C-alpha atoms as a PDB file:
ATOM      1  CA  MET A   1     176.394 154.661  19.509  1.00  0.00           C
ATOM      2  CA  ARG A   2     173.234 153.107  18.259  1.00  0.00           C
ATOM      3  CA  ARG A   3     169.895 154.891  18.867  1.00  0.00           C
ATOM      4  CA  THR A   4     166.785 152.897  19.606  1.00  0.00           C
ATOM      5  CA  ASN A   5     163.527 154.109  18.181  1.00  0.00           C
ATOM      6  CA  ASN A   6     160.954 153.572  20.943  1.00  0.00           C
ATOM      7  CA  LYS A   7     157.757 154.750  19.340  1.00  0.00           C
ATOM      8  CA  GLY A   8     154.407 153.507  20.617  1.00  0.00           C
ATOM      9  CA  PHE A   9     153.269 151.795  23.818  1.00  0.00           C
ATOM     10  CA  SER A  10     154.558 148.688  25.518  1.00  0.00           C
ATOM     11  CA  TYR A  11     152.283 145.721  26.167  1.00  0.00           C
ATOM     12  CA  VAL A  12     152.205 146.508  29.887  1.00  0.00           C
ATOM     13  CA  GLU A  13     151.016 150.057  29.202  1.00  0.00           C
ATOM     14  CA  MET A  14     148.311 148.793  26.836  1.00  0.00           C
ATOM     15  CA  LEU A  15     147.094 146.235  29.385  1.00  0.00           C
ATOM     16  CA  MET A  16     146.915 148.913  32.089  1.00  0.00           C
ATOM     17  CA  VAL A  17     144.810 151.187  29.861  1.00  0.00           C
ATOM     18  CA  LEU A  18     142.473 148.313  28.933  1.00  0.00           C
ATOM     19  CA  ALA A  19     142.079 147.308  32.606  1.00  0.00           C
ATOM     20  CA  ILE A  20     141.202 150.873  33.620  1.00  0.00           C
ATOM     21  CA  MET A  21     138.689 151.138  30.757  1.00  0.00           C
ATOM     22  CA  ALA A  22     137.052 147.832  31.758  1.00  0.00           C
ATOM     23  CA  ILE A  23     136.669 149.025  35.359  1.00  0.00           C
ATOM     24  CA  MET A  24     135.137 152.337  34.230  1.00  0.00           C
ATOM     25  CA  ILE A  25     132.672 150.588  31.878  1.00  0.00           C
ATOM     26  CA  GLY A  26     131.630 148.277  34.709  1.00  0.00           C
ATOM     27  CA  MET A  27     131.015 151.233  37.036  1.00  0.00           C
ATOM     28  CA  VAL A  28     128.893 153.033  34.423  1.00  0.00           C
ATOM     29  CA  THR A  29     126.814 149.897  33.789  1.00  0.00           C
ATOM     30  CA  ILE A  30     126.085 149.459  37.501  1.00  0.00           C
ATOM     31  CA  SER A  31     125.219 153.163  37.868  1.00  0.00           C
ATOM     32  CA  VAL A  32     122.726 153.047  34.988  1.00  0.00           C
ATOM     33  CA  GLY A  33     120.971 150.073  36.617  1.00  0.00           C
ATOM     34  CA  LEU A  34     120.745 151.898  39.943  1.00  0.00           C
ATOM     35  CA  ILE A  35     119.385 155.055  38.304  1.00  0.00           C
ATOM     36  CA  SER A  36     116.697 153.010  36.541  1.00  0.00           C
ATOM     37  CA  ARG A  37     115.690 151.270  39.779  1.00  0.00           C
ATOM     38  CA  ASN A  38     115.646 154.572  41.657  1.00  0.00           C
ATOM     39  CA  THR A  39     113.329 156.100  39.061  1.00  0.00           C
ATOM     40  CA  VAL A  40     110.830 153.244  39.507  1.00  0.00           C
ATOM     41  CA  SER A  41     111.054 153.770  43.275  1.00  0.00           C
ATOM     42  CA  ARG A  42     110.578 157.533  42.966  1.00  0.00           C
ATOM     43  CA  THR A  43     107.528 157.062  40.748  1.00  0.00           C
ATOM     44  CA  LEU A  44     106.001 154.602  43.214  1.00  0.00           C
ATOM     45  CA  GLU A  45     106.673 157.042  46.062  1.00  0.00           C
ATOM     46  CA  LYS A  46     104.847 159.785  44.114  1.00  0.00           C
ATOM     47  CA  VAL A  47     101.831 157.523  43.601  1.00  0.00           C
ATOM     48  CA  GLU A  48     101.911 156.499  47.259  1.00  0.00           C
ATOM     49  CA  SER A  49     101.953 160.170  48.287  1.00  0.00           C
ATOM     50  CA  LEU A  50      99.050 160.893  45.917  1.00  0.00           C
ATOM     51  CA  CYS A  51      97.048 158.016  47.445  1.00  0.00           C
ATOM     52  CA  ASN A  52      97.603 159.442  50.923  1.00  0.00           C
ATOM     53  CA  ARG A  53      96.665 162.960  49.744  1.00  0.00           C
ATOM     54  CA  THR A  54      93.513 161.607  48.077  1.00  0.00           C
ATOM     55  CA  ARG A  55      92.513 159.732  51.239  1.00  0.00           C
ATOM     56  CA  ILE A  56      92.939 162.909  53.308  1.00  0.00           C
ATOM     57  CA  ASN A  57      90.880 164.809  50.707  1.00  0.00           C
ATOM     58  CA  ALA A  58      88.058 162.296  51.097  1.00  0.00           C
ATOM     59  CA  LEU A  59      88.146 162.477  54.896  1.00  0.00           C
ATOM     60  CA  THR A  60      88.190 166.276  55.026  1.00  0.00           C
ATOM     61  CA  LYS A  61      86.338 167.434  51.892  1.00  0.00           C
ATOM     62  CA  GLY A  62      83.997 164.538  51.206  1.00  0.00           C
ATOM     63  CA  SER A  63      84.142 161.423  49.067  1.00  0.00           C
ATOM     64  CA  THR A  64      83.243 163.380  45.911  1.00  0.00           C
ATOM     65  CA  GLN A  65      86.770 164.865  46.180  1.00  0.00           C
ATOM     66  CA  GLY A  66      88.361 161.544  47.151  1.00  0.00           C
ATOM     67  CA  TYR A  67      89.405 160.167  43.773  1.00  0.00           C
ATOM     68  CA  LEU A  68      92.878 159.583  42.434  1.00  0.00           C
ATOM     69  CA  ASN A  69      92.594 159.522  38.631  1.00  0.00           C
ATOM     70  CA  MET A  70      95.661 158.395  36.653  1.00  0.00           C
ATOM     71  CA  ALA A  71      96.044 158.091  32.888  1.00  0.00           C
ATOM     72  CA  GLN A  72      98.804 157.376  30.364  1.00  0.00           C
ATOM     73  CA  PHE A  73      99.342 160.016  27.678  1.00  0.00           C
ATOM     74  CA  SER A  74     101.897 160.150  24.850  1.00  0.00           C
ATOM     75  CA  ASP A  75     104.432 162.025  27.004  1.00  0.00           C
ATOM     76  CA  GLY A  76     103.896 160.241  30.319  1.00  0.00           C
ATOM     77  CA  VAL A  77     101.514 159.382  33.135  1.00  0.00           C
ATOM     78  CA  TYR A  78      99.455 162.141  34.751  1.00  0.00           C
ATOM     79  CA  ALA A  79      97.459 162.095  37.988  1.00  0.00           C
ATOM     80  CA  TYR A  80      94.613 164.264  39.223  1.00  0.00           C
ATOM     81  CA  VAL A  81      93.276 164.309  42.784  1.00  0.00           C
ATOM     82  CA  GLY A  82      89.689 165.472  43.158  1.00  0.00           C
ATOM     83  CA  GLU A  83      86.355 164.387  41.739  1.00  0.00           C
ATOM     84  CA  MET A  84      86.014 161.237  39.624  1.00  0.00           C
ATOM     85  CA  VAL A  85      86.996 161.870  35.993  1.00  0.00           C
ATOM     86  CA  MET A  86      84.947 159.991  33.417  1.00  0.00           C
ATOM     87  CA  ASP A  87      86.529 158.316  30.367  1.00  0.00           C
ATOM     88  CA  ASP A  88      85.071 160.866  27.937  1.00  0.00           C
ATOM     89  CA  ASN A  89      86.826 163.668  29.861  1.00  0.00           C
ATOM     90  CA  ILE A  90      90.286 162.059  30.153  1.00  0.00           C
ATOM     91  CA  ASP A  91      92.102 165.253  29.033  1.00  0.00           C
ATOM     92  CA  LYS A  92      91.053 166.859  32.327  1.00  0.00           C
ATOM     93  CA  ILE A  93      93.649 164.687  34.073  1.00  0.00           C
ATOM     94  CA  ARG A  94      96.453 166.222  32.002  1.00  0.00           C
ATOM     95  CA  GLU A  95      95.053 169.768  32.213  1.00  0.00           C
ATOM     96  CA  LYS A  96      94.397 169.896  35.970  1.00  0.00           C
ATOM     97  CA  GLY A  97      96.682 167.154  37.221  1.00  0.00           C
ATOM     98  CA  GLU A  98     100.423 166.652  37.505  1.00  0.00           C
ATOM     99  CA  LYS A  99     102.876 164.576  35.528  1.00  0.00           C
ATOM    100  CA  ILE A 100     104.174 161.776  37.738  1.00  0.00           C
ATOM    101  CA  CYS A 101     106.480 159.934  35.331  1.00  0.00           C
ATOM    102  CA  SER A 102     107.706 159.805  31.745  1.00  0.00           C
ATOM    103  CA  LYS A 103     106.296 157.694  28.930  1.00  0.00           C
ATOM    104  CA  ASP A 104     108.888 155.011  29.776  1.00  0.00           C
ATOM    105  CA  TYR A 105     106.774 153.873  32.740  1.00  0.00           C
ATOM    106  CA  GLU A 106     103.294 152.518  33.204  1.00  0.00           C
ATOM    107  CA  ILE A 107     101.090 152.401  36.252  1.00  0.00           C
ATOM    108  CA  MET A 108      98.654 149.558  36.824  1.00  0.00           C
ATOM    109  CA  THR A 109      96.046 148.970  39.500  1.00  0.00           C
ATOM    110  CA  ASN A 110      94.665 145.623  40.545  1.00  0.00           C
ATOM    111  CA  PHE A 111      91.850 145.445  43.108  1.00  0.00           C
ATOM    112  CA  VAL A 112      90.156 142.282  44.375  1.00  0.00           C
ATOM    113  CA  GLY A 113      86.886 141.806  42.550  1.00  0.00           C
ATOM    114  CA  LEU A 114      87.570 144.555  40.014  1.00  0.00           C
ATOM    115  CA  GLY A 115      90.508 142.991  38.225  1.00  0.00           C
ATOM    116  CA  SER A 116      93.389 144.863  36.677  1.00  0.00           C
ATOM    117  CA  THR A 117      93.193 148.165  34.848  1.00  0.00           C
ATOM    118  CA  SER A 118      96.245 148.390  32.627  1.00  0.00           C
ATOM    119  CA  ASP A 119      94.531 148.983  29.304  1.00  0.00           C
ATOM    120  CA  GLY A 120      95.555 152.619  28.896  1.00  0.00           C
ATOM    121  CA  GLY A 121      92.274 153.991  30.288  1.00  0.00           C
ATOM    122  CA  ILE A 122      91.782 155.881  33.508  1.00  0.00           C
ATOM    123  CA  HIS A 123      92.973 154.206  36.701  1.00  0.00           C
ATOM    124  CA  ARG A 124      90.783 155.376  39.574  1.00  0.00           C
ATOM    125  CA  ILE A 125      91.080 154.822  43.294  1.00  0.00           C
ATOM    126  CA  GLY A 126      88.191 156.270  45.275  1.00  0.00           C
ATOM    127  CA  TYR A 127      88.153 156.768  49.044  1.00  0.00           C
ATOM    128  CA  LYS A 128      85.151 157.030  51.442  1.00  0.00           C
ATOM    129  CA  GLN A 129      84.576 160.125  53.553  1.00  0.00           C
ATOM    130  CA  SER A 130      83.370 158.143  56.558  1.00  0.00           C
ATOM    131  CA  THR A 131      86.357 155.785  57.012  1.00  0.00           C
ATOM    132  CA  GLY A 132      89.021 156.749  54.485  1.00  0.00           C
ATOM    133  CA  GLY A 133      88.719 153.228  53.111  1.00  0.00           C
ATOM    134  CA  VAL A 134      88.608 152.376  49.429  1.00  0.00           C
ATOM    135  CA  ILE A 135      85.135 152.738  47.885  1.00  0.00           C
ATOM    136  CA  GLY A 136      83.711 149.232  47.655  1.00  0.00           C
ATOM    137  CA  GLY A 137      85.942 148.103  50.530  1.00  0.00           C
ATOM    138  CA  LEU A 138      88.223 146.218  48.164  1.00  0.00           C
ATOM    139  CA  SER A 139      91.920 145.733  48.844  1.00  0.00           C
ATOM    140  CA  GLY A 140      94.334 145.962  45.945  1.00  0.00           C
ATOM    141  CA  ARG A 141      97.750 146.832  44.581  1.00  0.00           C
ATOM    142  CA  VAL A 142      99.272 149.695  42.652  1.00  0.00           C
ATOM    143  CA  ILE A 143     102.127 148.645  40.371  1.00  0.00           C
ATOM    144  CA  VAL A 144     104.751 150.792  38.630  1.00  0.00           C
ATOM    145  CA  LYS A 145     106.586 149.133  35.735  1.00  0.00           C
ATOM    146  CA  LYS A 146     109.420 150.355  33.552  1.00  0.00           C
ATOM    147  CA  LYS A 147     108.409 149.498  29.993  1.00  0.00           C
ATOM    148  CA  ASN A 148     110.483 146.921  28.094  1.00  0.00           C
ATOM    149  CA  THR A 149     112.068 145.633  31.316  1.00  0.00           C
ATOM    150  CA  SER A 150     111.065 143.389  34.182  1.00  0.00           C
ATOM    151  CA  LYS A 151     111.557 146.169  36.765  1.00  0.00           C
ATOM    152  CA  THR A 152     108.419 146.636  38.844  1.00  0.00           C
ATOM    153  CA  GLU A 153     107.576 147.892  42.306  1.00  0.00           C
ATOM    154  CA  SER A 154     104.213 147.882  44.022  1.00  0.00           C
ATOM    155  CA  PHE A 155     102.336 148.554  47.226  1.00  0.00           C
ATOM    156  CA  GLY A 156      99.058 147.331  48.626  1.00  0.00           C
ATOM    157  CA  ILE A 157      96.063 149.322  49.847  1.00  0.00           C
ATOM    158  CA  TYR A 158      93.775 147.900  52.542  1.00  0.00           C
ATOM    159  CA  GLY A 159      90.205 148.230  51.332  1.00  0.00           C
ATOM    160  CA  GLN A 160      88.594 148.870  54.724  1.00  0.00           C
ATOM    161  CA  THR A 161      91.019 151.544  55.936  1.00  0.00           C
ATOM    162  CA  GLY A 162      92.680 152.822  52.749  1.00  0.00           C
ATOM    163  CA  LYS A 163      96.084 152.510  54.400  1.00  0.00           C
ATOM    164  CA  ILE A 164      99.148 151.518  52.403  1.00  0.00           C
ATOM    165  CA  TYR A 165     101.130 148.378  53.194  1.00  0.00           C
ATOM    166  CA  ASP A 166     103.557 145.809  51.786  1.00  0.00           C
ATOM    167  CA  ARG A 167     105.941 147.530  49.363  1.00  0.00           C
ATOM    168  CA  LYS A 168     107.511 145.033  46.967  1.00  0.00           C
ATOM    169  CA  LYS A 169     110.357 145.235  44.462  1.00  0.00           C
ATOM    170  CA  ASN A 170     110.666 142.791  41.575  1.00  0.00           C
END
């Protein structure tokens, strides 16, 4: 009787393994994209919450305490709610504030009449004690962007009331 030496895998077995691997790689790729998008959303939600907290600060404690100061540092973006922080005291934002996202993200503000502040300086949004509106009465947008990608999300702020509106994903 002749013995057959069946070492190795058949073509069908190899194709099944390759098909399973392709499906798993596809699932991982989709998951990574969703995680990235969710992180942009979470960062925007943090900034939105900080804007609301700052507005309430202005209404209850006075407009001198109604500033949201945000700045990019080497390890991420920090935010401080309270009095206006001047450019020569930028480290105060990191010392007294909270980290809202990693260095992989940037936050930009763009208000009508003031233009965009995305130069790495301090991004300030000030609120009035009398109405809770933005100081200067200017409407604008806050934008969160993941660096080196096109992923952005934003929301608008009505200048007269300071209320948030119109969330957008790009």
